[in-house]
């Protein structure tokens, strides 16, 4: 009896997984999230702290970086 219940549970889980997979296949390719680019972006090394920053985010990252931020603590 336990084997039958276990097999029924496995069949139910497999059915649910297949159902989700088929639903994803039907919906087609999903759009990339906002701000995502399929093209690779150059990384720029910071002169002060040495971290690598995506070129489009240099100003935002440097403004919030403890080492590079203007008027914040750090070197």
N, C-alpha and C. Protein backbone atom coordinates (compact mmCIF):
# COMPACT_ATOMS: atom_id res chain seq x y z
N UNK A 1 0.82 -1.20 0.00
CA UNK A 1 0.00 0.00 0.00
C UNK A 1 0.86 1.27 0.00
N UNK A 2 1.95 1.24 0.80
CA UNK A 2 2.84 2.40 0.88
C UNK A 2 3.52 2.61 -0.48
N UNK A 3 3.88 1.53 -1.15
CA UNK A 3 4.52 1.66 -2.45
C UNK A 3 3.59 2.33 -3.46
N UNK A 4 2.34 1.98 -3.43
CA UNK A 4 1.37 2.57 -4.35
C UNK A 4 1.24 4.07 -4.08
N UNK A 5 1.15 4.44 -2.82
CA UNK A 5 1.06 5.86 -2.47
C UNK A 5 2.32 6.61 -2.89
N UNK A 6 3.48 5.99 -2.68
CA UNK A 6 4.75 6.61 -3.06
C UNK A 6 4.81 6.79 -4.58
N UNK A 7 4.44 5.78 -5.32
CA UNK A 7 4.43 5.88 -6.78
C UNK A 7 3.43 6.93 -7.27
N UNK A 8 2.29 7.00 -6.61
CA UNK A 8 1.29 8.01 -6.97
C UNK A 8 1.84 9.42 -6.70
N UNK A 9 2.54 9.59 -5.60
CA UNK A 9 3.14 10.88 -5.28
C UNK A 9 4.21 11.25 -6.31
N UNK A 10 5.06 10.30 -6.68
CA UNK A 10 6.06 10.55 -7.70
C UNK A 10 5.43 10.91 -9.04
N UNK A 11 4.37 10.22 -9.40
CA UNK A 11 3.68 10.51 -10.66
C UNK A 11 3.07 11.91 -10.62
N UNK A 12 2.51 12.29 -9.50
CA UNK A 12 1.92 13.62 -9.35
C UNK A 12 2.99 14.71 -9.49
N UNK A 13 4.14 14.51 -8.84
CA UNK A 13 5.22 15.50 -8.91
C UNK A 13 5.74 15.61 -10.35
N UNK A 14 5.91 14.46 -11.02
CA UNK A 14 6.38 14.48 -12.40
C UNK A 14 5.37 15.19 -13.29
N UNK A 15 4.10 14.96 -13.08
CA UNK A 15 3.05 15.60 -13.87
C UNK A 15 3.09 17.12 -13.68
N UNK A 16 3.26 17.57 -12.44
CA UNK A 16 3.33 19.01 -12.16
C UNK A 16 4.55 19.64 -12.83
N UNK A 17 5.70 18.97 -12.76
CA UNK A 17 6.91 19.51 -13.38
C UNK A 17 6.77 19.59 -14.89
N UNK A 18 6.21 18.54 -15.49
CA UNK A 18 6.00 18.56 -16.93
C UNK A 18 5.01 19.64 -17.34
N UNK A 19 3.98 19.83 -16.56
CA UNK A 19 2.99 20.86 -16.85
C UNK A 19 3.62 22.25 -16.84
N UNK A 20 4.47 22.52 -15.85
CA UNK A 20 5.17 23.81 -15.78
C UNK A 20 6.11 23.98 -16.96
N UNK A 21 6.84 22.91 -17.29
CA UNK A 21 7.80 22.99 -18.38
C UNK A 21 7.10 23.29 -19.70
N UNK A 22 5.97 22.61 -19.95
CA UNK A 22 5.21 22.85 -21.18
C UNK A 22 4.64 24.27 -21.20
N UNK A 23 4.21 24.78 -20.07
CA UNK A 23 3.69 26.15 -20.00
C UNK A 23 4.78 27.15 -20.34
N UNK A 24 6.00 26.91 -19.88
CA UNK A 24 7.11 27.80 -20.21
C UNK A 24 7.44 27.73 -21.69
N UNK A 25 7.37 26.54 -22.26
CA UNK A 25 7.68 26.38 -23.67
C UNK A 25 6.65 27.09 -24.54
N UNK A 26 5.40 27.07 -24.13
CA UNK A 26 4.34 27.73 -24.89
C UNK A 26 4.45 29.24 -24.84
N UNK A 27 4.92 29.77 -23.72
CA UNK A 27 4.99 31.23 -23.57
C UNK A 27 6.08 31.84 -24.44
N UNK A 28 7.00 31.04 -24.94
CA UNK A 28 8.04 31.54 -25.82
C UNK A 28 9.17 32.17 -25.04
N UNK A 29 10.12 32.74 -25.76
CA UNK A 29 11.26 33.36 -25.08
C UNK A 29 10.81 34.59 -24.31
N UNK A 30 11.34 34.71 -23.12
CA UNK A 30 10.97 35.84 -22.28
C UNK A 30 11.86 37.04 -22.61
N UNK A 31 11.31 38.21 -22.45
CA UNK A 31 12.05 39.44 -22.70
C UNK A 31 13.11 39.62 -21.61
N UNK A 32 14.26 40.15 -21.95
CA UNK A 32 15.28 40.39 -20.93
C UNK A 32 14.81 41.46 -19.95
N UNK A 33 15.31 41.42 -18.73
CA UNK A 33 14.91 42.43 -17.75
C UNK A 33 15.35 43.82 -18.19
N UNK A 34 14.68 44.87 -17.69
CA UNK A 34 15.06 46.23 -18.07
C UNK A 34 16.52 46.52 -17.69
N UNK A 35 17.22 47.19 -18.57
CA UNK A 35 18.61 47.52 -18.31
C UNK A 35 19.57 46.42 -18.74
N UNK A 36 19.06 45.32 -19.22
CA UNK A 36 19.91 44.21 -19.65
C UNK A 36 20.25 44.39 -21.12
N UNK A 37 21.49 44.19 -21.44
CA UNK A 37 21.93 44.27 -22.83
C UNK A 37 22.55 42.95 -23.22
N UNK A 38 22.22 42.46 -24.39
CA UNK A 38 22.79 41.21 -24.86
C UNK A 38 24.25 41.38 -25.27
N UNK A 39 24.63 42.61 -25.54
CA UNK A 39 26.01 42.89 -25.93
C UNK A 39 26.89 42.97 -24.69
N UNK A 40 28.08 42.40 -24.74
CA UNK A 40 28.98 42.53 -23.59
C UNK A 40 29.44 43.97 -23.43
N UNK A 41 29.68 44.36 -22.21
CA UNK A 41 30.07 45.73 -21.92
C UNK A 41 31.49 45.76 -21.37
N UNK A 42 32.24 46.75 -21.75
CA UNK A 42 33.62 46.88 -21.29
C UNK A 42 33.65 47.19 -19.80
N UNK A 43 34.63 46.60 -19.12
CA UNK A 43 34.83 46.90 -17.70
C UNK A 43 35.99 47.88 -17.58
N UNK A 44 35.83 48.85 -16.69
CA UNK A 44 36.83 49.89 -16.48
C UNK A 44 37.39 49.70 -15.08
N UNK A 45 38.71 49.72 -14.95
CA UNK A 45 39.33 49.58 -13.64
C UNK A 45 39.41 50.95 -12.96
N UNK A 46 39.00 51.01 -11.71
CA UNK A 46 39.07 52.25 -10.94
C UNK A 46 40.53 52.53 -10.57
N UNK A 47 40.95 53.77 -10.73
CA UNK A 47 42.33 54.13 -10.42
C UNK A 47 42.58 54.13 -8.92
N UNK A 48 41.57 54.43 -8.12
CA UNK A 48 41.76 54.55 -6.67
C UNK A 48 41.70 53.22 -5.95
N UNK A 49 40.63 52.44 -6.18
CA UNK A 49 40.46 51.21 -5.40
C UNK A 49 40.71 49.94 -6.20
N UNK A 50 40.77 50.02 -7.53
CA UNK A 50 41.11 48.87 -8.35
C UNK A 50 39.96 47.96 -8.74
N UNK A 51 38.73 48.28 -8.32
CA UNK A 51 37.62 47.42 -8.71
C UNK A 51 37.31 47.62 -10.18
N UNK A 52 36.70 46.62 -10.78
CA UNK A 52 36.29 46.73 -12.18
C UNK A 52 34.81 47.09 -12.22
N UNK A 53 34.48 48.12 -12.99
CA UNK A 53 33.14 48.68 -13.05
C UNK A 53 32.66 48.65 -14.50
N UNK A 54 31.40 48.25 -14.75
CA UNK A 54 30.87 48.37 -16.11
C UNK A 54 30.93 49.84 -16.54
N UNK A 55 31.31 50.07 -17.78
CA UNK A 55 31.53 51.44 -18.26
C UNK A 55 30.30 52.32 -18.10
N UNK A 56 29.10 51.77 -18.22
CA UNK A 56 27.90 52.58 -18.12
C UNK A 56 27.55 52.94 -16.67
N UNK A 57 28.19 52.31 -15.70
CA UNK A 57 27.84 52.54 -14.30
C UNK A 57 28.97 53.17 -13.50
N UNK A 58 29.96 53.71 -14.16
CA UNK A 58 31.13 54.25 -13.46
C UNK A 58 30.73 55.33 -12.47
N UNK A 59 29.96 56.30 -12.88
CA UNK A 59 29.62 57.42 -12.00
C UNK A 59 28.82 56.96 -10.79
N UNK A 60 27.84 56.09 -11.01
CA UNK A 60 26.99 55.63 -9.90
C UNK A 60 27.78 54.80 -8.91
N UNK A 61 28.65 53.93 -9.38
CA UNK A 61 29.42 53.07 -8.48
C UNK A 61 30.45 53.89 -7.72
N UNK A 62 31.11 54.78 -8.39
CA UNK A 62 32.12 55.60 -7.71
C UNK A 62 31.49 56.51 -6.66
N UNK A 63 30.29 56.98 -6.90
CA UNK A 63 29.62 57.84 -5.92
C UNK A 63 29.27 57.08 -4.65
N UNK A 64 29.05 55.75 -4.75
CA UNK A 64 28.65 54.95 -3.60
C UNK A 64 29.78 54.10 -3.04
N UNK A 65 30.97 54.17 -3.63
CA UNK A 65 32.10 53.36 -3.20
C UNK A 65 32.77 54.02 -2.00
N UNK A 66 33.07 53.27 -0.97
CA UNK A 66 33.70 53.84 0.22
C UNK A 66 35.08 54.40 -0.08
N UNK A 67 35.82 53.74 -0.97
CA UNK A 67 37.15 54.20 -1.29
C UNK A 67 37.11 55.39 -2.26
N UNK A 68 36.14 55.39 -3.19
CA UNK A 68 36.15 56.39 -4.25
C UNK A 68 35.16 57.52 -4.02
N UNK A 69 34.19 57.33 -3.15
CA UNK A 69 33.15 58.33 -2.99
C UNK A 69 33.71 59.65 -2.46
N UNK A 70 33.20 60.73 -2.99
CA UNK A 70 33.64 62.05 -2.55
C UNK A 70 33.07 62.36 -1.18
N UNK A 71 33.94 62.73 -0.24
CA UNK A 71 33.51 63.13 1.08
C UNK A 71 33.14 61.98 1.99
N UNK A 72 33.35 60.77 1.58
CA UNK A 72 33.04 59.63 2.45
C UNK A 72 34.32 59.11 3.06
N UNK A 73 34.15 58.25 4.07
CA UNK A 73 35.32 57.67 4.74
C UNK A 73 36.05 56.75 3.79
N UNK A 74 37.32 56.60 4.01
CA UNK A 74 38.12 55.71 3.18
C UNK A 74 39.28 56.45 2.57
N UNK A 75 40.14 55.71 1.82
CA UNK A 75 41.34 56.31 1.28
C UNK A 75 41.13 56.82 -0.04
